[in-house]
Amino acid sequence: MCPTDPADDRASDRVDAHLGLLAAPACRYALYFFGGSSDATATPSELADWAVTTDRVDPDASRDRLAVRFHHAALPRLDRCGAVTYDAADRTAEYRGGADIEALVALASRAEREGW
């Protein structure tokens, strides 16, 4: 067995974290929103309004339930991973992105559109 380079472990952890974000639908939708919008900020309600107008979510999804999911789960998780800065008191998320996240989001979006 080869010794591992600590830098490789950190890179692997980042890849795992970013792929984990894409595996969570609400996180993925928020990243899709920011990736396709000129707005760098959004509220959970704005994200939910956008999500229900796309063909990416269940047509029976409740806009209010999505907004709650964005507020309590997706945006705090994206904040912990550094993809957004989320102020829960003001209910405002600011996109921070980055080339690595944007590349993975583009790949996931293409996979969903093309039905991989």
Protein backbone atom coordinates (compact mmCIF):
# COMPACT_ATOMS: atom_id res chain seq x y z
CA MET A 1 0.00 0.00 0.00
CA CYS A 2 1.31 3.45 -0.92
CA PRO A 3 1.38 6.17 1.72
CA THR A 4 -1.23 8.81 1.07
CA ASP A 5 -0.44 12.45 0.58
CA PRO A 6 -2.45 14.62 3.02
CA ALA A 7 -3.19 17.05 0.17
CA ASP A 8 -4.86 14.21 -1.74
CA ASP A 9 -7.02 13.41 1.30
CA ARG A 10 -8.25 17.00 1.47
CA ALA A 11 -9.01 17.01 -2.25
CA SER A 12 -10.87 13.74 -1.87
CA ASP A 13 -12.86 15.17 1.03
CA ARG A 14 -13.82 18.20 -1.09
CA VAL A 15 -14.94 15.96 -3.96
CA ASP A 16 -17.01 13.86 -1.55
CA ALA A 17 -18.60 16.98 -0.06
CA HIS A 18 -19.42 18.49 -3.44
CA LEU A 19 -20.88 15.25 -4.78
CA GLY A 20 -22.90 14.97 -1.57
CA LEU A 21 -24.39 18.39 -2.29
CA LEU A 22 -25.42 17.25 -5.76
CA ALA A 23 -26.98 14.10 -4.30
CA ALA A 24 -29.36 16.22 -2.19
CA PRO A 25 -32.10 17.50 -4.54
CA ALA A 26 -32.78 20.81 -2.78
CA CYS A 27 -29.06 21.63 -2.68
CA ARG A 28 -28.76 20.70 -6.34
CA TYR A 29 -31.73 22.90 -7.29
CA ALA A 30 -30.26 25.86 -5.42
CA LEU A 31 -26.97 25.38 -7.25
CA TYR A 32 -28.83 25.11 -10.57
CA PHE A 33 -30.62 28.37 -9.76
CA PHE A 34 -27.43 30.25 -9.02
CA GLY A 35 -25.64 28.71 -11.99
CA GLY A 36 -28.33 29.87 -14.40
CA SER A 37 -29.10 33.25 -12.88
CA SER A 38 -27.41 36.61 -12.97
CA ASP A 39 -28.54 37.07 -9.36
CA ALA A 40 -25.90 36.23 -6.77
CA THR A 41 -28.44 36.37 -3.93
CA ALA A 42 -31.75 34.65 -3.29
CA THR A 43 -34.18 33.83 -0.51
CA PRO A 44 -35.63 30.38 0.17
CA SER A 45 -38.96 31.63 -1.22
CA GLU A 46 -37.31 32.81 -4.45
CA LEU A 47 -35.56 29.46 -4.83
CA ALA A 48 -38.84 27.63 -4.25
CA ASP A 49 -40.67 29.84 -6.75
CA TRP A 50 -38.01 29.04 -9.35
CA ALA A 51 -37.92 25.32 -8.53
CA VAL A 52 -41.65 24.74 -8.98
CA THR A 53 -41.55 26.37 -12.43
CA THR A 54 -38.88 23.97 -13.69
CA ASP A 55 -39.37 20.42 -14.84
CA ARG A 56 -36.70 19.28 -12.38
CA VAL A 57 -38.96 18.82 -9.35
CA ASP A 58 -41.99 16.67 -8.72
CA PRO A 59 -44.98 18.51 -10.23
CA ASP A 60 -46.89 17.87 -6.99
CA ALA A 61 -44.16 19.49 -4.88
CA SER A 62 -45.48 22.19 -2.58
CA ARG A 63 -43.82 25.55 -3.01
CA ASP A 64 -44.10 26.21 0.73
CA ARG A 65 -42.52 22.87 1.65
CA LEU A 66 -39.67 23.54 -0.75
CA ALA A 67 -39.07 26.97 0.79
CA VAL A 68 -38.92 25.37 4.24
CA ARG A 69 -36.50 22.71 2.95
CA PHE A 70 -34.27 25.40 1.43
CA HIS A 71 -34.32 27.42 4.67
CA HIS A 72 -33.77 24.62 7.18
CA ALA A 73 -31.68 22.11 5.26
CA ALA A 74 -30.29 22.98 1.83
CA LEU A 75 -29.01 26.52 2.34
CA PRO A 76 -27.39 25.81 5.74
CA ARG A 77 -25.69 22.77 4.20
CA LEU A 78 -24.49 24.78 1.20
CA ASP A 79 -23.22 27.41 3.66
CA ARG A 80 -21.24 24.80 5.64
CA CYS A 81 -19.60 23.65 2.40
CA GLY A 82 -18.78 27.19 1.27
CA ALA A 83 -20.99 27.23 -1.83
CA VAL A 84 -23.17 30.02 -0.42
CA THR A 85 -23.18 32.36 2.54
CA TYR A 86 -26.56 31.97 4.21
CA ASP A 87 -27.96 34.39 6.78
CA ALA A 88 -30.85 32.44 8.28
CA ALA A 89 -32.16 35.44 10.23
CA ASP A 90 -32.43 37.54 7.06
CA ARG A 91 -33.24 34.48 4.91
CA THR A 92 -30.70 35.56 2.30
CA ALA A 93 -28.22 33.35 0.49
CA GLU A 94 -25.31 34.75 -1.46
CA TYR A 95 -23.70 32.47 -4.01
CA ARG A 96 -19.97 31.91 -3.61
CA GLY A 97 -19.56 29.01 -6.04
CA GLY A 98 -16.18 28.35 -7.46
CA ALA A 99 -14.85 26.63 -10.54
CA ASP A 100 -14.89 23.16 -8.98
CA ILE A 101 -18.52 23.36 -7.87
CA GLU A 102 -19.62 25.00 -11.12
CA ALA A 103 -18.02 22.23 -13.19
CA LEU A 104 -19.78 19.52 -11.18
CA VAL A 105 -23.10 21.39 -11.29
CA ALA A 106 -22.83 21.75 -15.08
CA LEU A 107 -22.18 18.02 -15.40
CA ALA A 108 -25.11 17.13 -13.12
CA SER A 109 -27.44 19.50 -14.94
CA ARG A 110 -26.49 18.04 -18.31
CA ALA A 111 -26.96 14.50 -16.98
CA GLU A 112 -30.46 15.35 -15.73
CA ARG A 113 -31.47 17.09 -18.96
CA GLU A 114 -30.20 14.26 -21.13
CA GLY A 115 -31.51 11.51 -18.87
CA TRP A 116 -28.25 9.69 -18.27
